[in-house]
Amino acid sequence: MRATSKGRSLETAMAQLVRFDRSVLKTNQAAIIALTFLAFVLRQPVIVAFVAAVMLAGTVDPRLALFQQIYLRVLKPAGWVKPRVVIDDPVPHRFAQGLGGSFLVAAVIALALSADIAGWALAALVVALAFVNFAFDFCVGCQLFFLLARSGVIRRA
């Protein structure tokens, strides 16, 4: 770890820790997994395009994250999903969501060009990584964010 001029690690200085409900992420991941899998079973790239649009819109503005809004406005108030509030930095999670959405856009383009194996493989990759995060709380996209930030490739907004 590199230190800043005040003796804190670079990662600590960069983090914007806030109270964060992980159930929002879990609901988002469950919807991504279920809908993308359904798209594959039904061979409906339009569903993949829908999931990609939801993911990218939520990356730009969390208020536009449809799956997260379903949790906040329906599932949580009804008591069907309980909140799990932790102290966390939402920025890496947003980066991971944007990356996943971008991969789904690439999947849709591949499917539109009749490159079905490539398209469904890209969609399957997103499903697999969303599942890893859902089941094991390990966010590969977040780890990529930290690696790119540490190497200076990306900066925090």
C-alpha atoms as a PDB file:
ATOM      1  CA  MET A   1       0.000   0.000   0.000  1.00  0.00           C
ATOM      2  CA  ARG A   2       1.198   3.467  -0.821  1.00  0.00           C
ATOM      3  CA  ALA A   3       0.824   6.208   1.762  1.00  0.00           C
ATOM      4  CA  THR A   4      -0.535   9.683   1.275  1.00  0.00           C
ATOM      5  CA  SER A   5       1.101  12.767   2.732  1.00  0.00           C
ATOM      6  CA  LYS A   6      -1.020  12.376   5.870  1.00  0.00           C
ATOM      7  CA  GLY A   7       0.129   8.790   6.413  1.00  0.00           C
ATOM      8  CA  ARG A   8      -3.119   7.120   5.350  1.00  0.00           C
ATOM      9  CA  SER A   9      -3.161   4.463   2.679  1.00  0.00           C
ATOM     10  CA  LEU A  10      -4.153   5.553  -0.795  1.00  0.00           C
ATOM     11  CA  GLU A  11      -7.095   3.153  -0.719  1.00  0.00           C
ATOM     12  CA  THR A  12      -8.374   4.672   2.534  1.00  0.00           C
ATOM     13  CA  ALA A  13      -7.957   8.195   1.223  1.00  0.00           C
ATOM     14  CA  MET A  14      -9.882   7.297  -1.933  1.00  0.00           C
ATOM     15  CA  ALA A  15     -12.770   5.498  -0.264  1.00  0.00           C
ATOM     16  CA  GLN A  16     -16.068   7.240   0.255  1.00  0.00           C
ATOM     17  CA  LEU A  17     -17.531   5.047   2.960  1.00  0.00           C
ATOM     18  CA  VAL A  18     -21.241   5.436   3.651  1.00  0.00           C
ATOM     19  CA  ARG A  19     -24.069   3.407   5.171  1.00  0.00           C
ATOM     20  CA  PHE A  20     -24.985   1.067   2.349  1.00  0.00           C
ATOM     21  CA  ASP A  21     -27.778  -1.523   2.162  1.00  0.00           C
ATOM     22  CA  ARG A  22     -26.278  -4.652   0.614  1.00  0.00           C
ATOM     23  CA  SER A  23     -29.782  -6.023   0.030  1.00  0.00           C
ATOM     24  CA  VAL A  24     -30.042  -3.439  -2.746  1.00  0.00           C
ATOM     25  CA  LEU A  25     -27.094  -5.153  -4.447  1.00  0.00           C
ATOM     26  CA  LYS A  26     -28.443  -8.641  -3.807  1.00  0.00           C
ATOM     27  CA  THR A  27     -31.797  -7.751  -5.381  1.00  0.00           C
ATOM     28  CA  ASN A  28     -30.024  -6.188  -8.345  1.00  0.00           C
ATOM     29  CA  GLN A  29     -27.822  -9.261  -8.797  1.00  0.00           C
ATOM     30  CA  ALA A  30     -30.768 -11.663  -8.485  1.00  0.00           C
ATOM     31  CA  ALA A  31     -32.675  -9.763 -11.185  1.00  0.00           C
ATOM     32  CA  ILE A  32     -29.632  -9.684 -13.490  1.00  0.00           C
ATOM     33  CA  ILE A  33     -29.093 -13.421 -13.051  1.00  0.00           C
ATOM     34  CA  ALA A  34     -32.752 -14.384 -13.454  1.00  0.00           C
ATOM     35  CA  LEU A  35     -33.557 -12.167 -16.427  1.00  0.00           C
ATOM     36  CA  THR A  36     -30.348 -12.903 -18.337  1.00  0.00           C
ATOM     37  CA  PHE A  37     -30.806 -16.637 -17.773  1.00  0.00           C
ATOM     38  CA  LEU A  38     -34.427 -16.310 -18.930  1.00  0.00           C
ATOM     39  CA  ALA A  39     -33.205 -14.479 -22.034  1.00  0.00           C
ATOM     40  CA  PHE A  40     -30.915 -17.411 -22.820  1.00  0.00           C
ATOM     41  CA  VAL A  41     -33.613 -20.045 -22.244  1.00  0.00           C
ATOM     42  CA  LEU A  42     -36.106 -18.149 -24.415  1.00  0.00           C
ATOM     43  CA  ARG A  43     -33.393 -17.045 -26.897  1.00  0.00           C
ATOM     44  CA  GLN A  44     -34.554 -13.450 -26.514  1.00  0.00           C
ATOM     45  CA  PRO A  45     -31.721 -10.915 -26.915  1.00  0.00           C
ATOM     46  CA  VAL A  46     -34.251  -8.139 -26.252  1.00  0.00           C
ATOM     47  CA  ILE A  47     -34.286  -9.219 -22.588  1.00  0.00           C
ATOM     48  CA  VAL A  48     -30.490  -8.962 -22.508  1.00  0.00           C
ATOM     49  CA  ALA A  49     -30.795  -5.468 -24.005  1.00  0.00           C
ATOM     50  CA  PHE A  50     -33.330  -4.544 -21.318  1.00  0.00           C
ATOM     51  CA  VAL A  51     -31.038  -5.754 -18.516  1.00  0.00           C
ATOM     52  CA  ALA A  52     -28.099  -3.881 -20.065  1.00  0.00           C
ATOM     53  CA  ALA A  53     -30.149  -0.676 -20.259  1.00  0.00           C
ATOM     54  CA  VAL A  54     -31.252  -1.005 -16.633  1.00  0.00           C
ATOM     55  CA  MET A  55     -27.681  -1.621 -15.497  1.00  0.00           C
ATOM     56  CA  LEU A  56     -26.216   1.288 -17.452  1.00  0.00           C
ATOM     57  CA  ALA A  57     -28.998   3.687 -16.419  1.00  0.00           C
ATOM     58  CA  GLY A  58     -28.387   2.755 -12.774  1.00  0.00           C
ATOM     59  CA  THR A  59     -24.676   3.343 -13.232  1.00  0.00           C
ATOM     60  CA  VAL A  60     -25.295   6.869 -14.486  1.00  0.00           C
ATOM     61  CA  ASP A  61     -27.867   7.654 -11.776  1.00  0.00           C
ATOM     62  CA  PRO A  62     -28.703   5.174  -8.986  1.00  0.00           C
ATOM     63  CA  ARG A  63     -32.267   6.520  -8.921  1.00  0.00           C
ATOM     64  CA  LEU A  64     -32.688   4.984 -12.395  1.00  0.00           C
ATOM     65  CA  ALA A  65     -31.636   1.502 -11.265  1.00  0.00           C
ATOM     66  CA  LEU A  66     -34.971  -0.283 -11.773  1.00  0.00           C
ATOM     67  CA  PHE A  67     -34.078  -3.494  -9.934  1.00  0.00           C
ATOM     68  CA  GLN A  68     -32.797  -1.514  -6.964  1.00  0.00           C
ATOM     69  CA  GLN A  69     -35.922   0.645  -6.981  1.00  0.00           C
ATOM     70  CA  ILE A  70     -38.074  -2.503  -6.866  1.00  0.00           C
ATOM     71  CA  TYR A  71     -36.251  -3.458  -3.676  1.00  0.00           C
ATOM     72  CA  LEU A  72     -36.552   0.023  -2.156  1.00  0.00           C
ATOM     73  CA  ARG A  73     -40.192   0.626  -3.128  1.00  0.00           C
ATOM     74  CA  VAL A  74     -41.718  -2.861  -2.990  1.00  0.00           C
ATOM     75  CA  LEU A  75     -39.641  -5.658  -1.463  1.00  0.00           C
ATOM     76  CA  LYS A  76     -38.225  -3.793   1.539  1.00  0.00           C
ATOM     77  CA  PRO A  77     -41.453  -1.984   2.553  1.00  0.00           C
ATOM     78  CA  ALA A  78     -43.406  -5.251   2.270  1.00  0.00           C
ATOM     79  CA  GLY A  79     -40.811  -6.958   4.479  1.00  0.00           C
ATOM     80  CA  TRP A  80     -40.045  -9.571   1.810  1.00  0.00           C
ATOM     81  CA  VAL A  81     -36.342  -8.687   1.801  1.00  0.00           C
ATOM     82  CA  LYS A  82     -34.673  -7.431   4.952  1.00  0.00           C
ATOM     83  CA  PRO A  83     -32.105  -4.644   4.859  1.00  0.00           C
ATOM     84  CA  ARG A  84     -28.467  -5.520   5.468  1.00  0.00           C
ATOM     85  CA  VAL A  85     -26.785  -2.195   6.154  1.00  0.00           C
ATOM     86  CA  VAL A  86     -22.996  -2.071   6.167  1.00  0.00           C
ATOM     87  CA  ILE A  87     -20.353   0.612   5.854  1.00  0.00           C
ATOM     88  CA  ASP A  88     -19.125   0.396   2.280  1.00  0.00           C
ATOM     89  CA  ASP A  89     -18.039   2.431  -0.707  1.00  0.00           C
ATOM     90  CA  PRO A  90     -20.707   2.352  -3.445  1.00  0.00           C
ATOM     91  CA  VAL A  91     -18.373   3.652  -6.190  1.00  0.00           C
ATOM     92  CA  PRO A  92     -16.674   0.298  -6.967  1.00  0.00           C
ATOM     93  CA  HIS A  93     -20.091  -1.374  -7.098  1.00  0.00           C
ATOM     94  CA  ARG A  94     -21.337   1.226  -9.583  1.00  0.00           C
ATOM     95  CA  PHE A  95     -18.213   0.673 -11.675  1.00  0.00           C
ATOM     96  CA  ALA A  96     -18.853  -3.091 -11.640  1.00  0.00           C
ATOM     97  CA  GLN A  97     -22.452  -2.539 -12.669  1.00  0.00           C
ATOM     98  CA  GLY A  98     -21.392  -0.322 -15.560  1.00  0.00           C
ATOM     99  CA  LEU A  99     -18.845  -2.903 -16.637  1.00  0.00           C
ATOM    100  CA  GLY A 100     -21.453  -5.662 -16.533  1.00  0.00           C
ATOM    101  CA  GLY A 101     -23.901  -3.505 -18.470  1.00  0.00           C
ATOM    102  CA  SER A 102     -21.221  -2.822 -21.067  1.00  0.00           C
ATOM    103  CA  PHE A 103     -20.555  -6.544 -21.462  1.00  0.00           C
ATOM    104  CA  LEU A 104     -24.273  -7.094 -21.986  1.00  0.00           C
ATOM    105  CA  VAL A 105     -24.304  -4.385 -24.666  1.00  0.00           C
ATOM    106  CA  ALA A 106     -21.447  -6.258 -26.358  1.00  0.00           C
ATOM    107  CA  ALA A 107     -23.511  -9.456 -26.016  1.00  0.00           C
ATOM    108  CA  VAL A 108     -26.509  -7.812 -27.690  1.00  0.00           C
ATOM    109  CA  ILE A 109     -24.337  -6.531 -30.541  1.00  0.00           C
ATOM    110  CA  ALA A 110     -22.830  -9.987 -31.023  1.00  0.00           C
ATOM    111  CA  LEU A 111     -26.279 -11.582 -31.012  1.00  0.00           C
ATOM    112  CA  ALA A 112     -27.553  -8.996 -33.516  1.00  0.00           C
ATOM    113  CA  LEU A 113     -24.631  -9.906 -35.784  1.00  0.00           C
ATOM    114  CA  SER A 114     -25.545 -13.618 -35.509  1.00  0.00           C
ATOM    115  CA  ALA A 115     -22.448 -14.342 -33.430  1.00  0.00           C
ATOM    116  CA  ASP A 116     -24.586 -16.348 -31.020  1.00  0.00           C
ATOM    117  CA  ILE A 117     -21.783 -18.208 -29.257  1.00  0.00           C
ATOM    118  CA  ALA A 118     -19.925 -14.990 -28.477  1.00  0.00           C
ATOM    119  CA  GLY A 119     -23.111 -13.159 -27.477  1.00  0.00           C
ATOM    120  CA  TRP A 120     -24.399 -15.816 -25.114  1.00  0.00           C
ATOM    121  CA  ALA A 121     -20.883 -16.361 -23.726  1.00  0.00           C
ATOM    122  CA  LEU A 122     -20.657 -12.665 -22.812  1.00  0.00           C
ATOM    123  CA  ALA A 123     -24.099 -12.806 -21.219  1.00  0.00           C
ATOM    124  CA  ALA A 124     -23.104 -15.973 -19.336  1.00  0.00           C
ATOM    125  CA  LEU A 125     -19.992 -14.226 -18.040  1.00  0.00           C
ATOM    126  CA  VAL A 126     -22.138 -11.460 -16.563  1.00  0.00           C
ATOM    127  CA  VAL A 127     -24.455 -14.039 -15.002  1.00  0.00           C
ATOM    128  CA  ALA A 128     -21.519 -15.972 -13.539  1.00  0.00           C
ATOM    129  CA  LEU A 129     -19.902 -12.880 -12.020  1.00  0.00           C
ATOM    130  CA  ALA A 130     -23.235 -11.628 -10.661  1.00  0.00           C
ATOM    131  CA  PHE A 131     -23.725 -15.060  -9.098  1.00  0.00           C
ATOM    132  CA  VAL A 132     -20.275 -15.003  -7.482  1.00  0.00           C
ATOM    133  CA  ASN A 133     -21.116 -11.630  -5.953  1.00  0.00           C
ATOM    134  CA  PHE A 134     -24.610 -12.753  -4.929  1.00  0.00           C
ATOM    135  CA  ALA A 135     -23.531 -16.039  -3.365  1.00  0.00           C
ATOM    136  CA  PHE A 136     -20.101 -15.203  -1.971  1.00  0.00           C
ATOM    137  CA  ASP A 137     -20.035 -11.397  -1.582  1.00  0.00           C
ATOM    138  CA  PHE A 138     -17.016 -11.229  -3.867  1.00  0.00           C
ATOM    139  CA  CYS A 139     -17.296  -8.513  -6.489  1.00  0.00           C
ATOM    140  CA  VAL A 140     -14.865  -9.158  -9.340  1.00  0.00           C
ATOM    141  CA  GLY A 141     -15.742  -5.816 -10.966  1.00  0.00           C
ATOM    142  CA  CYS A 142     -14.967  -4.063  -7.674  1.00  0.00           C
ATOM    143  CA  GLN A 143     -11.587  -5.771  -7.526  1.00  0.00           C
ATOM    144  CA  LEU A 144     -10.903  -4.614 -11.072  1.00  0.00           C
ATOM    145  CA  PHE A 145     -11.886  -1.085 -10.027  1.00  0.00           C
ATOM    146  CA  PHE A 146      -9.398  -1.185  -7.125  1.00  0.00           C
ATOM    147  CA  LEU A 147      -6.651  -2.541  -9.387  1.00  0.00           C
ATOM    148  CA  LEU A 148      -7.246   0.119 -12.053  1.00  0.00           C
ATOM    149  CA  ALA A 149      -7.480   2.902  -9.451  1.00  0.00           C
ATOM    150  CA  ARG A 150      -4.306   1.780  -7.711  1.00  0.00           C
ATOM    151  CA  SER A 151      -2.426   1.689 -11.018  1.00  0.00           C
ATOM    152  CA  GLY A 152      -3.714   5.169 -11.939  1.00  0.00           C
ATOM    153  CA  VAL A 153      -5.706   4.017 -14.973  1.00  0.00           C
ATOM    154  CA  ILE A 154      -8.954   5.390 -13.544  1.00  0.00           C
ATOM    155  CA  ARG A 155      -9.674   8.126 -11.046  1.00  0.00           C
ATOM    156  CA  ARG A 156     -12.481   8.672  -8.631  1.00  0.00           C
ATOM    157  CA  ALA A 157     -15.009  11.273  -9.697  1.00  0.00           C
END
